Amino acid sequence: MLGSPLLLSFAVATLATLLSLALGVMVACVLFYGGHADALQPRPTRARLVEFLDSLLSLPLVLPPTVLGYYLLTLLGRHSPLGRAFEAVTGSPLTFTPAAAVLAVMVSALPAIARSTRAALREVDPLYFRAAASLGATAWRALWTVGLPLCRKQVAAAAMLAFARALGDFGVTLMVAGDIPGYTQTASLAVYDAVQAGREQDALRLIVPLSLMALLLMYGVGRLQDVERPR
């Protein structure tokens, strides 16, 4: 059933968003504290190393999809250490598989979650962290039990944007996972193929649900962002 481009897109986008959410929140927390978990209140994160890591994390937002896809193809290909290790364990290459599609859209979606989470944490009043510290909470415990719950709506909005981005990814997925009908062909790729072949009805059958989903996601993001941020 996942041979359907639409269902495959939803499965890939869902898994990639969940992975990006877990990793993105963790990265945001590390950047927020400047890499020092023993700080009991938010530190200025303008240190050169932290800002360099933040810039590196942001590259997928500005790099052309083909360039990002090339980097991933080089990193995950059969001749790379990661590619050889994956093939040794599973018996099959990593690239040009549904797993590669998940990784491709995950890399594209991760920066949106990490940057939004970090920005939301920086909006939290430091008094909350000081209050948690006065009750004996460590920096990380204060962050996870006080800071992140206060930012939950902003993080949820970022996750929805990441899902929308993952659902519509084209260039990176094409480079890393290919366009194999019934296997790695997502809805975006199927729309392109249908338009190129003059099959407009087939394209519309995919375009309409994708557009409706994008509209619902953006409406949800707007509702979540239309709340008072923690002060």
N, C-alpha and C. Protein backbone atom coordinates (compact mmCIF):
# COMPACT_ATOMS: atom_id res chain seq x y z
N MET A 1 0.83 -1.21 0.00
CA MET A 1 0.00 0.00 0.00
C MET A 1 0.86 1.25 0.00
N LEU A 2 2.07 1.16 0.59
CA LEU A 2 2.96 2.31 0.57
C LEU A 2 3.52 2.57 -0.81
N GLY A 3 3.15 1.71 -1.78
CA GLY A 3 3.55 1.97 -3.15
C GLY A 3 2.86 3.21 -3.71
N SER A 4 1.74 3.63 -3.10
CA SER A 4 1.08 4.85 -3.50
C SER A 4 1.96 6.05 -3.16
N PRO A 5 2.23 6.94 -4.14
CA PRO A 5 3.10 8.08 -3.85
C PRO A 5 2.60 8.94 -2.69
N LEU A 6 1.28 9.10 -2.59
CA LEU A 6 0.73 9.94 -1.52
C LEU A 6 0.95 9.30 -0.15
N LEU A 7 0.67 8.00 -0.05
CA LEU A 7 0.87 7.31 1.22
C LEU A 7 2.35 7.25 1.59
N LEU A 8 3.19 7.04 0.60
CA LEU A 8 4.62 7.02 0.87
C LEU A 8 5.10 8.38 1.37
N SER A 9 4.59 9.44 0.77
CA SER A 9 4.97 10.78 1.21
C SER A 9 4.57 11.03 2.65
N PHE A 10 3.36 10.62 3.02
CA PHE A 10 2.91 10.82 4.39
C PHE A 10 3.74 9.99 5.37
N ALA A 11 4.06 8.75 4.99
CA ALA A 11 4.86 7.90 5.86
C ALA A 11 6.27 8.47 6.03
N VAL A 12 6.88 8.88 4.94
CA VAL A 12 8.23 9.45 4.99
C VAL A 12 8.24 10.74 5.80
N ALA A 13 7.27 11.63 5.53
CA ALA A 13 7.22 12.91 6.22
C ALA A 13 6.96 12.73 7.71
N THR A 14 6.10 11.79 8.07
CA THR A 14 5.80 11.55 9.49
C THR A 14 7.03 11.05 10.24
N LEU A 15 7.70 10.04 9.69
CA LEU A 15 8.87 9.49 10.35
C LEU A 15 10.00 10.51 10.41
N ALA A 16 10.21 11.23 9.31
CA ALA A 16 11.27 12.25 9.29
C ALA A 16 10.99 13.36 10.29
N THR A 17 9.73 13.76 10.43
CA THR A 17 9.39 14.82 11.38
C THR A 17 9.61 14.37 12.82
N LEU A 18 9.23 13.14 13.13
CA LEU A 18 9.44 12.63 14.49
C LEU A 18 10.93 12.57 14.83
N LEU A 19 11.74 12.09 13.89
CA LEU A 19 13.18 12.04 14.11
C LEU A 19 13.77 13.44 14.23
N SER A 20 13.31 14.35 13.36
CA SER A 20 13.80 15.73 13.40
C SER A 20 13.39 16.42 14.69
N LEU A 21 12.20 16.10 15.19
CA LEU A 21 11.73 16.72 16.43
C LEU A 21 12.60 16.29 17.60
N ALA A 22 12.89 15.00 17.70
CA ALA A 22 13.72 14.51 18.80
C ALA A 22 15.13 15.09 18.74
N LEU A 23 15.74 15.02 17.56
CA LEU A 23 17.11 15.50 17.41
C LEU A 23 17.17 17.03 17.46
N GLY A 24 16.19 17.69 16.84
CA GLY A 24 16.19 19.14 16.78
C GLY A 24 16.05 19.79 18.14
N VAL A 25 15.18 19.24 18.99
CA VAL A 25 15.01 19.77 20.33
C VAL A 25 16.29 19.60 21.15
N MET A 26 16.93 18.44 21.00
CA MET A 26 18.17 18.20 21.73
C MET A 26 19.27 19.18 21.28
N VAL A 27 19.40 19.36 19.97
CA VAL A 27 20.40 20.29 19.45
C VAL A 27 20.11 21.71 19.93
N ALA A 28 18.85 22.09 19.91
CA ALA A 28 18.47 23.43 20.37
C ALA A 28 18.83 23.64 21.83
N CYS A 29 18.64 22.62 22.65
CA CYS A 29 18.98 22.73 24.08
C CYS A 29 20.48 22.91 24.27
N VAL A 30 21.27 22.16 23.51
CA VAL A 30 22.73 22.28 23.62
C VAL A 30 23.17 23.67 23.19
N LEU A 31 22.64 24.17 22.09
CA LEU A 31 23.01 25.50 21.62
C LEU A 31 22.52 26.57 22.59
N PHE A 32 21.37 26.36 23.18
CA PHE A 32 20.81 27.34 24.11
C PHE A 32 21.74 27.56 25.30
N TYR A 33 22.28 26.50 25.83
CA TYR A 33 23.18 26.61 26.97
C TYR A 33 24.64 26.75 26.56
N GLY A 34 24.89 26.91 25.29
CA GLY A 34 26.26 27.07 24.84
C GLY A 34 27.11 25.85 25.10
N GLY A 35 26.45 24.67 25.19
CA GLY A 35 27.19 23.44 25.38
C GLY A 35 27.55 23.14 26.81
N HIS A 36 27.05 23.93 27.78
CA HIS A 36 27.37 23.69 29.19
C HIS A 36 26.09 23.39 29.95
N ALA A 37 25.90 22.14 30.28
CA ALA A 37 24.65 21.73 30.92
C ALA A 37 24.57 22.14 32.39
N ASP A 38 25.66 22.65 32.97
CA ASP A 38 25.61 22.99 34.39
C ASP A 38 25.21 24.45 34.63
N ALA A 39 24.92 25.18 33.55
CA ALA A 39 24.47 26.56 33.73
C ALA A 39 23.03 26.54 34.23
N LEU A 40 22.74 27.33 35.26
CA LEU A 40 21.41 27.32 35.84
C LEU A 40 20.51 28.40 35.27
N GLN A 41 20.99 29.13 34.32
CA GLN A 41 20.17 30.09 33.62
C GLN A 41 20.72 30.22 32.21
N PRO A 42 19.90 30.70 31.26
CA PRO A 42 20.36 30.79 29.89
C PRO A 42 21.61 31.65 29.75
N ARG A 43 22.62 31.10 29.12
CA ARG A 43 23.85 31.85 28.87
C ARG A 43 23.76 32.53 27.52
N PRO A 44 24.47 33.64 27.33
CA PRO A 44 24.55 34.21 25.99
C PRO A 44 25.20 33.20 25.05
N THR A 45 24.55 32.90 23.95
CA THR A 45 25.05 31.87 23.04
C THR A 45 25.76 32.49 21.85
N ARG A 46 26.59 33.51 22.12
CA ARG A 46 27.31 34.19 21.05
C ARG A 46 28.75 33.71 20.92
N ALA A 47 29.09 32.69 21.66
CA ALA A 47 30.43 32.14 21.53
C ALA A 47 30.65 31.69 20.10
N ARG A 48 31.88 31.82 19.63
CA ARG A 48 32.17 31.53 18.23
C ARG A 48 31.81 30.11 17.83
N LEU A 49 32.12 29.15 18.68
CA LEU A 49 31.84 27.77 18.35
C LEU A 49 30.36 27.52 18.23
N VAL A 50 29.58 28.07 19.17
CA VAL A 50 28.14 27.87 19.16
C VAL A 50 27.53 28.50 17.92
N GLU A 51 27.97 29.70 17.59
CA GLU A 51 27.42 30.37 16.41
C GLU A 51 27.84 29.67 15.13
N PHE A 52 29.05 29.09 15.12
CA PHE A 52 29.48 28.33 13.95
C PHE A 52 28.60 27.10 13.77
N LEU A 53 28.32 26.40 14.88
CA LEU A 53 27.46 25.22 14.81
C LEU A 53 26.05 25.61 14.37
N ASP A 54 25.58 26.75 14.84
CA ASP A 54 24.25 27.22 14.44
C ASP A 54 24.23 27.53 12.95
N SER A 55 25.30 28.14 12.44
CA SER A 55 25.39 28.43 11.00
C SER A 55 25.45 27.14 10.19
N LEU A 56 26.20 26.16 10.69
CA LEU A 56 26.29 24.87 10.01
C LEU A 56 24.94 24.19 9.96
N LEU A 57 24.21 24.27 11.06
CA LEU A 57 22.88 23.68 11.13
C LEU A 57 21.92 24.34 10.16
N SER A 58 22.14 25.62 9.88
CA SER A 58 21.22 26.38 9.02
C SER A 58 21.49 26.19 7.54
N LEU A 59 22.59 25.55 7.18
CA LEU A 59 22.94 25.41 5.77
C LEU A 59 21.84 24.77 4.92
N PRO A 60 21.15 23.72 5.41
CA PRO A 60 20.08 23.14 4.58
C PRO A 60 18.98 24.12 4.19
N LEU A 61 18.86 25.23 4.95
CA LEU A 61 17.83 26.21 4.63
C LEU A 61 18.20 27.07 3.43
N VAL A 62 19.49 27.17 3.13
CA VAL A 62 19.93 28.10 2.08
C VAL A 62 20.65 27.40 0.92
N LEU A 63 21.14 26.19 1.14
CA LEU A 63 21.81 25.49 0.06
C LEU A 63 20.81 25.05 -1.00
N PRO A 64 21.19 25.07 -2.27
CA PRO A 64 20.31 24.50 -3.31
C PRO A 64 20.06 23.02 -3.02
N PRO A 65 18.86 22.53 -3.23
CA PRO A 65 18.56 21.12 -2.94
C PRO A 65 19.51 20.14 -3.61
N THR A 66 19.94 20.46 -4.83
CA THR A 66 20.86 19.54 -5.51
C THR A 66 22.22 19.48 -4.81
N VAL A 67 22.66 20.61 -4.27
CA VAL A 67 23.94 20.62 -3.55
C VAL A 67 23.81 19.83 -2.25
N LEU A 68 22.72 20.06 -1.52
CA LEU A 68 22.49 19.31 -0.29
C LEU A 68 22.35 17.82 -0.60
N GLY A 69 21.66 17.51 -1.67
CA GLY A 69 21.51 16.11 -2.08
C GLY A 69 22.84 15.48 -2.43
N TYR A 70 23.72 16.24 -3.08
CA TYR A 70 25.04 15.72 -3.41
C TYR A 70 25.84 15.39 -2.16
N TYR A 71 25.80 16.28 -1.17
CA TYR A 71 26.51 16.02 0.08
C TYR A 71 25.99 14.74 0.74
N LEU A 72 24.67 14.60 0.78
CA LEU A 72 24.09 13.41 1.40
C LEU A 72 24.43 12.16 0.60
N LEU A 73 24.41 12.28 -0.71
CA LEU A 73 24.74 11.13 -1.56
C LEU A 73 26.18 10.69 -1.33
N THR A 74 27.06 11.67 -1.15
CA THR A 74 28.47 11.35 -0.86
C THR A 74 28.62 10.74 0.52
N LEU A 75 27.85 11.24 1.48
CA LEU A 75 27.95 10.76 2.85
C LEU A 75 27.36 9.37 3.03
N LEU A 76 26.28 9.07 2.28
CA LEU A 76 25.54 7.84 2.49
C LEU A 76 25.75 6.80 1.39
N GLY A 77 26.51 7.14 0.35
CA GLY A 77 26.71 6.25 -0.78
C GLY A 77 27.42 4.95 -0.42
N ARG A 78 27.46 4.03 -1.35
CA ARG A 78 28.00 2.69 -1.11
C ARG A 78 29.50 2.72 -0.81
N HIS A 79 30.19 3.77 -1.23
CA HIS A 79 31.63 3.84 -1.03
C HIS A 79 32.00 4.65 0.22
N SER A 80 31.01 5.17 0.92
CA SER A 80 31.28 5.93 2.15
C SER A 80 31.29 4.98 3.35
N PRO A 81 31.94 5.37 4.45
CA PRO A 81 31.94 4.51 5.65
C PRO A 81 30.52 4.19 6.14
N LEU A 82 29.64 5.19 6.16
CA LEU A 82 28.28 4.95 6.62
C LEU A 82 27.53 4.01 5.67
N GLY A 83 27.72 4.25 4.37
CA GLY A 83 27.06 3.40 3.39
C GLY A 83 27.53 1.96 3.46
N ARG A 84 28.84 1.76 3.63
CA ARG A 84 29.38 0.39 3.73
C ARG A 84 28.91 -0.29 5.01
N ALA A 85 28.86 0.48 6.12
CA ALA A 85 28.40 -0.10 7.38
C ALA A 85 26.94 -0.52 7.29
N PHE A 86 26.12 0.33 6.69
CA PHE A 86 24.69 0.01 6.54
C PHE A 86 24.51 -1.23 5.67
N GLU A 87 25.25 -1.31 4.58
CA GLU A 87 25.12 -2.45 3.68
C GLU A 87 25.63 -3.73 4.33
N ALA A 88 26.66 -3.61 5.17
CA ALA A 88 27.18 -4.79 5.86
C ALA A 88 26.16 -5.36 6.83
N VAL A 89 25.36 -4.47 7.45
CA VAL A 89 24.38 -4.91 8.44
C VAL A 89 23.10 -5.40 7.78
N THR A 90 22.63 -4.69 6.77
CA THR A 90 21.33 -4.99 6.16
C THR A 90 21.43 -5.82 4.89
N GLY A 91 22.60 -5.81 4.26
CA GLY A 91 22.76 -6.53 3.00
C GLY A 91 22.30 -5.77 1.79
N SER A 92 21.89 -4.51 1.96
CA SER A 92 21.45 -3.69 0.84
C SER A 92 21.96 -2.27 1.02
N PRO A 93 22.14 -1.54 -0.07
CA PRO A 93 22.64 -0.16 0.05
C PRO A 93 21.60 0.75 0.69
N LEU A 94 22.08 1.85 1.24
CA LEU A 94 21.18 2.81 1.90
C LEU A 94 20.55 3.76 0.89
N THR A 95 21.33 4.21 -0.08
CA THR A 95 20.81 5.17 -1.05
C THR A 95 19.79 4.51 -1.98
N PHE A 96 18.89 5.35 -2.50
CA PHE A 96 17.83 4.92 -3.41
C PHE A 96 16.91 3.88 -2.77
N THR A 97 16.58 4.17 -1.51
CA THR A 97 15.64 3.36 -0.75
C THR A 97 14.69 4.30 0.01
N PRO A 98 13.57 3.79 0.52
CA PRO A 98 12.70 4.64 1.34
C PRO A 98 13.42 5.22 2.57
N ALA A 99 14.36 4.46 3.14
CA ALA A 99 15.11 4.97 4.28
C ALA A 99 15.91 6.20 3.88
N ALA A 100 16.46 6.19 2.68
CA ALA A 100 17.20 7.36 2.18
C ALA A 100 16.27 8.55 2.02
N ALA A 101 15.03 8.29 1.61
CA ALA A 101 14.06 9.39 1.48
C ALA A 101 13.77 10.01 2.84
N VAL A 102 13.67 9.18 3.87
CA VAL A 102 13.44 9.69 5.23
C VAL A 102 14.60 10.56 5.67
N LEU A 103 15.82 10.09 5.45
CA LEU A 103 17.00 10.86 5.84
C LEU A 103 17.08 12.17 5.06
N ALA A 104 16.71 12.13 3.79
CA ALA A 104 16.79 13.33 2.96
C ALA A 104 15.86 14.42 3.48
N VAL A 105 14.62 14.07 3.75
CA VAL A 105 13.68 15.09 4.21
C VAL A 105 13.94 15.46 5.67
N MET A 106 14.52 14.53 6.43
CA MET A 106 14.87 14.83 7.81
C MET A 106 15.92 15.93 7.87
N VAL A 107 16.94 15.83 7.02
CA VAL A 107 17.97 16.86 6.99
C VAL A 107 17.39 18.21 6.58
N SER A 108 16.41 18.19 5.70
CA SER A 108 15.78 19.43 5.28
C SER A 108 14.90 20.04 6.37
N ALA A 109 14.28 19.18 7.19
CA ALA A 109 13.33 19.66 8.20
C ALA A 109 13.98 20.00 9.53
N LEU A 110 15.12 19.38 9.82
CA LEU A 110 15.76 19.55 11.12
C LEU A 110 16.06 21.00 11.50
N PRO A 111 16.62 21.83 10.61
CA PRO A 111 16.95 23.20 11.00
C PRO A 111 15.76 24.02 11.47
N ALA A 112 14.60 23.81 10.84
CA ALA A 112 13.42 24.59 11.22
C ALA A 112 13.03 24.32 12.67
N ILE A 113 13.09 23.05 13.09
CA ILE A 113 12.73 22.71 14.46
C ILE A 113 13.78 23.21 15.44
N ALA A 114 15.05 22.98 15.13
CA ALA A 114 16.13 23.36 16.05
C ALA A 114 16.17 24.88 16.24
N ARG A 115 16.09 25.63 15.16
CA ARG A 115 16.18 27.08 15.28
C ARG A 115 14.96 27.66 15.98
N SER A 116 13.78 27.15 15.67
CA SER A 116 12.57 27.66 16.31
C SER A 116 12.54 27.35 17.80
N THR A 117 13.00 26.14 18.15
CA THR A 117 13.03 25.76 19.57
C THR A 117 14.02 26.63 20.33
N ARG A 118 15.19 26.85 19.76
CA ARG A 118 16.18 27.68 20.41
C ARG A 118 15.67 29.11 20.60
N ALA A 119 15.03 29.65 19.55
CA ALA A 119 14.49 31.01 19.65
C ALA A 119 13.41 31.10 20.72
N ALA A 120 12.56 30.07 20.82
CA ALA A 120 11.50 30.08 21.83
C ALA A 120 12.09 30.01 23.24
N LEU A 121 13.13 29.21 23.42
CA LEU A 121 13.77 29.11 24.74
C LEU A 121 14.38 30.44 25.16
N ARG A 122 14.91 31.16 24.20
CA ARG A 122 15.53 32.45 24.53
C ARG A 122 14.50 33.50 24.91
N GLU A 123 13.23 33.24 24.60
CA GLU A 123 12.15 34.16 24.97
C GLU A 123 11.64 33.91 26.39
N VAL A 124 12.01 32.76 26.96
CA VAL A 124 11.53 32.44 28.31
C VAL A 124 12.24 33.34 29.32
N ASP A 125 11.48 33.88 30.24
CA ASP A 125 12.04 34.74 31.28
C ASP A 125 13.03 33.94 32.14
N PRO A 126 14.28 34.42 32.30
CA PRO A 126 15.26 33.70 33.13
C PRO A 126 14.81 33.45 34.56
N LEU A 127 13.82 34.24 35.04
CA LEU A 127 13.33 34.04 36.40
C LEU A 127 12.77 32.63 36.60
N TYR A 128 12.20 32.05 35.54
CA TYR A 128 11.68 30.69 35.66
C TYR A 128 12.81 29.71 35.95
N PHE A 129 13.94 29.89 35.26
CA PHE A 129 15.08 29.00 35.47
C PHE A 129 15.69 29.21 36.85
N ARG A 130 15.75 30.47 37.28
CA ARG A 130 16.30 30.75 38.61
C ARG A 130 15.41 30.16 39.70
N ALA A 131 14.10 30.21 39.49
CA ALA A 131 13.18 29.63 40.47
C ALA A 131 13.37 28.12 40.55
N ALA A 132 13.53 27.48 39.39
CA ALA A 132 13.77 26.04 39.39
C ALA A 132 15.09 25.69 40.06
N ALA A 133 16.12 26.52 39.83
CA ALA A 133 17.43 26.29 40.44
C ALA A 133 17.35 26.44 41.96
N SER A 134 16.55 27.41 42.40
CA SER A 134 16.43 27.63 43.85
C SER A 134 15.75 26.45 44.55
N LEU A 135 15.00 25.65 43.77
CA LEU A 135 14.35 24.47 44.33
C LEU A 135 15.20 23.22 44.17
N GLY A 136 16.43 23.40 43.67
CA GLY A 136 17.36 22.28 43.58
C GLY A 136 17.44 21.62 42.23
N ALA A 137 16.79 22.18 41.22
CA ALA A 137 16.82 21.57 39.89
C ALA A 137 18.15 21.86 39.20
N THR A 138 18.67 20.86 38.51
CA THR A 138 19.87 21.08 37.70
C THR A 138 19.48 21.86 36.45
N ALA A 139 20.48 22.31 35.71
CA ALA A 139 20.21 23.09 34.50
C ALA A 139 19.37 22.30 33.51
N TRP A 140 19.76 21.04 33.28
CA TRP A 140 19.03 20.25 32.30
C TRP A 140 17.62 19.92 32.77
N ARG A 141 17.47 19.66 34.07
CA ARG A 141 16.13 19.37 34.58
C ARG A 141 15.24 20.60 34.47
N ALA A 142 15.79 21.77 34.77
CA ALA A 142 15.02 23.01 34.63
C ALA A 142 14.62 23.23 33.18
N LEU A 143 15.53 22.91 32.29
CA LEU A 143 15.24 23.09 30.87
C LEU A 143 14.11 22.19 30.41
N TRP A 144 14.18 20.90 30.79
CA TRP A 144 13.19 19.94 30.31
C TRP A 144 11.86 20.02 31.04
N THR A 145 11.87 20.45 32.29
CA THR A 145 10.62 20.48 33.05
C THR A 145 9.98 21.86 33.12
N VAL A 146 10.77 22.90 32.83
CA VAL A 146 10.24 24.26 32.89
C VAL A 146 10.30 24.95 31.53
N GLY A 147 11.51 25.01 30.95
CA GLY A 147 11.68 25.77 29.71
C GLY A 147 10.90 25.20 28.53
N LEU A 148 11.10 23.91 28.25
CA LEU A 148 10.44 23.32 27.08
C LEU A 148 8.92 23.29 27.20
N PRO A 149 8.35 22.95 28.38
CA PRO A 149 6.89 23.01 28.48
C PRO A 149 6.32 24.40 28.19
N LEU A 150 7.05 25.46 28.57
CA LEU A 150 6.58 26.81 28.28
C LEU A 150 6.63 27.11 26.79
N CYS A 151 7.46 26.37 26.06
CA CYS A 151 7.63 26.61 24.62
C CYS A 151 6.89 25.58 23.78
N ARG A 152 6.04 24.78 24.37
CA ARG A 152 5.47 23.64 23.66
C ARG A 152 4.67 24.03 22.42
N LYS A 153 3.99 25.16 22.46
CA LYS A 153 3.21 25.56 21.30
C LYS A 153 4.11 26.01 20.15
N GLN A 154 5.19 26.70 20.47
CA GLN A 154 6.13 27.11 19.44
C GLN A 154 6.83 25.90 18.82
N VAL A 155 7.16 24.92 19.67
CA VAL A 155 7.80 23.70 19.16
C VAL A 155 6.82 22.91 18.29
N ALA A 156 5.57 22.86 18.70
CA ALA A 156 4.56 22.16 17.90
C ALA A 156 4.38 22.84 16.54
N ALA A 157 4.38 24.17 16.54
CA ALA A 157 4.26 24.90 15.27
C ALA A 157 5.45 24.62 14.37
N ALA A 158 6.65 24.56 14.96
CA ALA A 158 7.85 24.25 14.17
C ALA A 158 7.77 22.84 13.59
N ALA A 159 7.25 21.90 14.38
CA ALA A 159 7.12 20.52 13.90
C ALA A 159 6.13 20.44 12.74
N MET A 160 5.07 21.23 12.80
CA MET A 160 4.10 21.23 11.70
C MET A 160 4.71 21.82 10.43
N LEU A 161 5.50 22.87 10.59
CA LEU A 161 6.19 23.44 9.43
C LEU A 161 7.19 22.44 8.85
N ALA A 162 7.87 21.73 9.74
CA ALA A 162 8.83 20.72 9.28
C ALA A 162 8.10 19.60 8.53
N PHE A 163 6.93 19.21 9.01
CA PHE A 163 6.16 18.17 8.32
C PHE A 163 5.74 18.65 6.94
N ALA A 164 5.30 19.90 6.85
CA ALA A 164 4.90 20.45 5.56
C ALA A 164 6.08 20.49 4.59
N ARG A 165 7.24 20.87 5.10
CA ARG A 165 8.44 20.91 4.26
C ARG A 165 8.82 19.50 3.81
N ALA A 166 8.74 18.55 4.74
CA ALA A 166 9.08 17.16 4.40
C ALA A 166 8.11 16.58 3.39
N LEU A 167 6.84 16.93 3.53
CA LEU A 167 5.82 16.40 2.63
C LEU A 167 6.04 16.86 1.19
N GLY A 168 6.57 18.06 1.02
CA GLY A 168 6.73 18.60 -0.32
C GLY A 168 8.14 18.56 -0.85
N ASP A 169 9.06 17.88 -0.16
CA ASP A 169 10.45 17.87 -0.63
C ASP A 169 10.55 17.22 -2.00
N PHE A 170 11.43 17.79 -2.82
CA PHE A 170 11.60 17.27 -4.18
C PHE A 170 13.06 17.01 -4.50
N GLY A 171 13.87 18.08 -4.48
CA GLY A 171 15.24 17.99 -4.97
C GLY A 171 16.13 17.05 -4.19
N VAL A 172 16.12 17.16 -2.87
CA VAL A 172 16.99 16.32 -2.05
C VAL A 172 16.56 14.86 -2.15
N THR A 173 15.25 14.62 -2.10
CA THR A 173 14.74 13.26 -2.22
C THR A 173 15.13 12.64 -3.55
N LEU A 174 15.02 13.41 -4.62
CA LEU A 174 15.36 12.90 -5.94
C LEU A 174 16.83 12.51 -6.02
N MET A 175 17.71 13.32 -5.42
CA MET A 175 19.13 13.05 -5.48
C MET A 175 19.52 11.81 -4.66
N VAL A 176 18.92 11.63 -3.50
CA VAL A 176 19.36 10.60 -2.57
C VAL A 176 18.55 9.31 -2.69
N ALA A 177 17.24 9.44 -2.92
CA ALA A 177 16.37 8.26 -2.96
C ALA A 177 15.94 7.88 -4.36
N GLY A 178 16.09 8.80 -5.31
CA GLY A 178 15.69 8.49 -6.67
C GLY A 178 14.20 8.61 -6.88
N ASP A 179 13.78 8.29 -8.09
CA ASP A 179 12.36 8.39 -8.48
C ASP A 179 11.94 7.02 -9.03
N ILE A 180 11.79 6.07 -8.10
CA ILE A 180 11.47 4.69 -8.48
C ILE A 180 9.99 4.45 -8.19
N PRO A 181 9.14 4.35 -9.22
CA PRO A 181 7.70 4.16 -9.00
C PRO A 181 7.42 2.94 -8.13
N GLY A 182 6.54 3.15 -7.14
CA GLY A 182 6.16 2.07 -6.26
C GLY A 182 7.16 1.77 -5.17
N TYR A 183 8.27 2.50 -5.11
CA TYR A 183 9.30 2.22 -4.11
C TYR A 183 9.79 3.49 -3.43
N THR A 184 10.32 4.43 -4.19
CA THR A 184 10.80 5.69 -3.60
C THR A 184 10.13 6.92 -4.23
N GLN A 185 9.16 6.71 -5.07
CA GLN A 185 8.51 7.85 -5.74
C GLN A 185 7.48 8.48 -4.81
N THR A 186 7.83 9.65 -4.27
CA THR A 186 6.92 10.37 -3.40
C THR A 186 5.93 11.17 -4.25
N ALA A 187 4.98 11.82 -3.58
CA ALA A 187 3.93 12.55 -4.30
C ALA A 187 4.51 13.68 -5.15
N SER A 188 5.49 14.41 -4.62
CA SER A 188 6.08 15.51 -5.38
C SER A 188 6.74 15.01 -6.66
N LEU A 189 7.44 13.91 -6.56
CA LEU A 189 8.07 13.32 -7.73
C LEU A 189 7.03 12.79 -8.71
N ALA A 190 5.97 12.19 -8.18
CA ALA A 190 4.91 11.66 -9.05
C ALA A 190 4.20 12.78 -9.79
N VAL A 191 4.00 13.93 -9.13
CA VAL A 191 3.38 15.08 -9.79
C VAL A 191 4.25 15.55 -10.95
N TYR A 192 5.54 15.64 -10.71
CA TYR A 192 6.47 16.07 -11.77
C TYR A 192 6.42 15.12 -12.95
N ASP A 193 6.47 13.82 -12.67
CA ASP A 193 6.43 12.83 -13.75
C ASP A 193 5.13 12.92 -14.53
N ALA A 194 4.01 13.09 -13.81
CA ALA A 194 2.70 13.15 -14.47
C ALA A 194 2.58 14.37 -15.36
N VAL A 195 3.07 15.51 -14.89
CA VAL A 195 3.01 16.74 -15.69
C VAL A 195 3.90 16.60 -16.91
N GLN A 196 5.09 16.04 -16.73
CA GLN A 196 6.01 15.85 -17.86
C GLN A 196 5.42 14.93 -18.92
N ALA A 197 4.61 13.96 -18.49
CA ALA A 197 4.01 13.01 -19.42
C ALA A 197 2.66 13.49 -19.94
N GLY A 198 2.21 14.65 -19.52
CA GLY A 198 0.94 15.17 -19.97
C GLY A 198 -0.26 14.54 -19.29
N ARG A 199 -0.07 13.88 -18.18
CA ARG A 199 -1.18 13.23 -17.45
C ARG A 199 -1.66 14.19 -16.35
N GLU A 200 -2.36 15.21 -16.75
CA GLU A 200 -2.77 16.26 -15.81
C GLU A 200 -3.77 15.75 -14.77
N GLN A 201 -4.64 14.82 -15.14
CA GLN A 201 -5.60 14.29 -14.18
C GLN A 201 -4.90 13.54 -13.05
N ASP A 202 -3.89 12.77 -13.42
CA ASP A 202 -3.12 12.07 -12.40
C ASP A 202 -2.41 13.06 -11.48
N ALA A 203 -1.89 14.12 -12.07
CA ALA A 203 -1.22 15.14 -11.27
C ALA A 203 -2.19 15.81 -10.31
N LEU A 204 -3.39 16.13 -10.79
CA LEU A 204 -4.38 16.80 -9.95
C LEU A 204 -4.82 15.93 -8.78
N ARG A 205 -4.87 14.61 -8.99
CA ARG A 205 -5.26 13.71 -7.90
C ARG A 205 -4.27 13.74 -6.75
N LEU A 206 -3.08 14.16 -7.03
CA LEU A 206 -2.08 14.31 -5.98
C LEU A 206 -1.97 15.75 -5.49
N ILE A 207 -2.14 16.68 -6.40
CA ILE A 207 -1.99 18.10 -6.05
C ILE A 207 -3.08 18.55 -5.08
N VAL A 208 -4.32 18.12 -5.30
CA VAL A 208 -5.43 18.58 -4.45
C VAL A 208 -5.24 18.17 -2.99
N PRO A 209 -4.99 16.89 -2.67
CA PRO A 209 -4.79 16.55 -1.24
C PRO A 209 -3.54 17.18 -0.64
N LEU A 210 -2.49 17.31 -1.44
CA LEU A 210 -1.28 17.96 -0.93
C LEU A 210 -1.55 19.43 -0.60
N SER A 211 -2.30 20.08 -1.45
CA SER A 211 -2.62 21.50 -1.22
C SER A 211 -3.52 21.67 0.00
N LEU A 212 -4.50 20.79 0.14
CA LEU A 212 -5.40 20.86 1.29
C LEU A 212 -4.63 20.61 2.59
N MET A 213 -3.74 19.64 2.56
CA MET A 213 -2.94 19.36 3.75
C MET A 213 -2.05 20.55 4.11
N ALA A 214 -1.43 21.15 3.09
CA ALA A 214 -0.58 22.31 3.34
C ALA A 214 -1.39 23.46 3.93
N LEU A 215 -2.61 23.66 3.43
CA LEU A 215 -3.46 24.72 3.95
C LEU A 215 -3.83 24.47 5.41
N LEU A 216 -4.19 23.22 5.73
CA LEU A 216 -4.54 22.89 7.11
C LEU A 216 -3.34 23.05 8.04
N LEU A 217 -2.17 22.66 7.57
CA LEU A 217 -0.97 22.79 8.39
C LEU A 217 -0.66 24.26 8.66
N MET A 218 -0.74 25.10 7.63
CA MET A 218 -0.45 26.50 7.81
C MET A 218 -1.48 27.18 8.71
N TYR A 219 -2.74 26.75 8.62
CA TYR A 219 -3.76 27.28 9.51
C TYR A 219 -3.45 26.90 10.96
N GLY A 220 -3.05 25.63 11.16
CA GLY A 220 -2.69 25.19 12.49
C GLY A 220 -1.49 25.93 13.04
N VAL A 221 -0.50 26.17 12.19
CA VAL A 221 0.69 26.91 12.61
C VAL A 221 0.29 28.33 13.03
N GLY A 222 -0.58 28.94 12.25
CA GLY A 222 -1.03 30.29 12.58
C GLY A 222 -1.75 30.36 13.91
N ARG A 223 -2.57 29.35 14.18
CA ARG A 223 -3.28 29.32 15.46
C ARG A 223 -2.32 29.13 16.63
N LEU A 224 -1.34 28.27 16.45
CA LEU A 224 -0.37 28.03 17.52
C LEU A 224 0.52 29.24 17.77
N GLN A 225 0.87 29.96 16.71
CA GLN A 225 1.74 31.12 16.87
C GLN A 225 0.99 32.33 17.36
N ASP A 226 -0.32 32.30 17.28
CA ASP A 226 -1.13 33.44 17.72
C ASP A 226 -1.45 33.31 19.21
N VAL A 227 -0.42 33.06 20.00
CA VAL A 227 -0.56 32.96 21.45
C VAL A 227 0.52 33.81 22.08
N GLU A 228 0.28 34.22 23.30
CA GLU A 228 1.28 35.02 24.01
C GLU A 228 2.48 34.16 24.35
N ARG A 229 3.65 34.59 23.98
CA ARG A 229 4.86 33.84 24.28
C ARG A 229 5.20 33.98 25.76
N PRO A 230 5.84 32.92 26.31
CA PRO A 230 6.20 33.00 27.72
C PRO A 230 7.15 34.14 28.00
N ARG A 231 6.90 34.86 29.04
CA ARG A 231 7.75 36.01 29.44
C ARG A 231 8.28 35.80 30.84
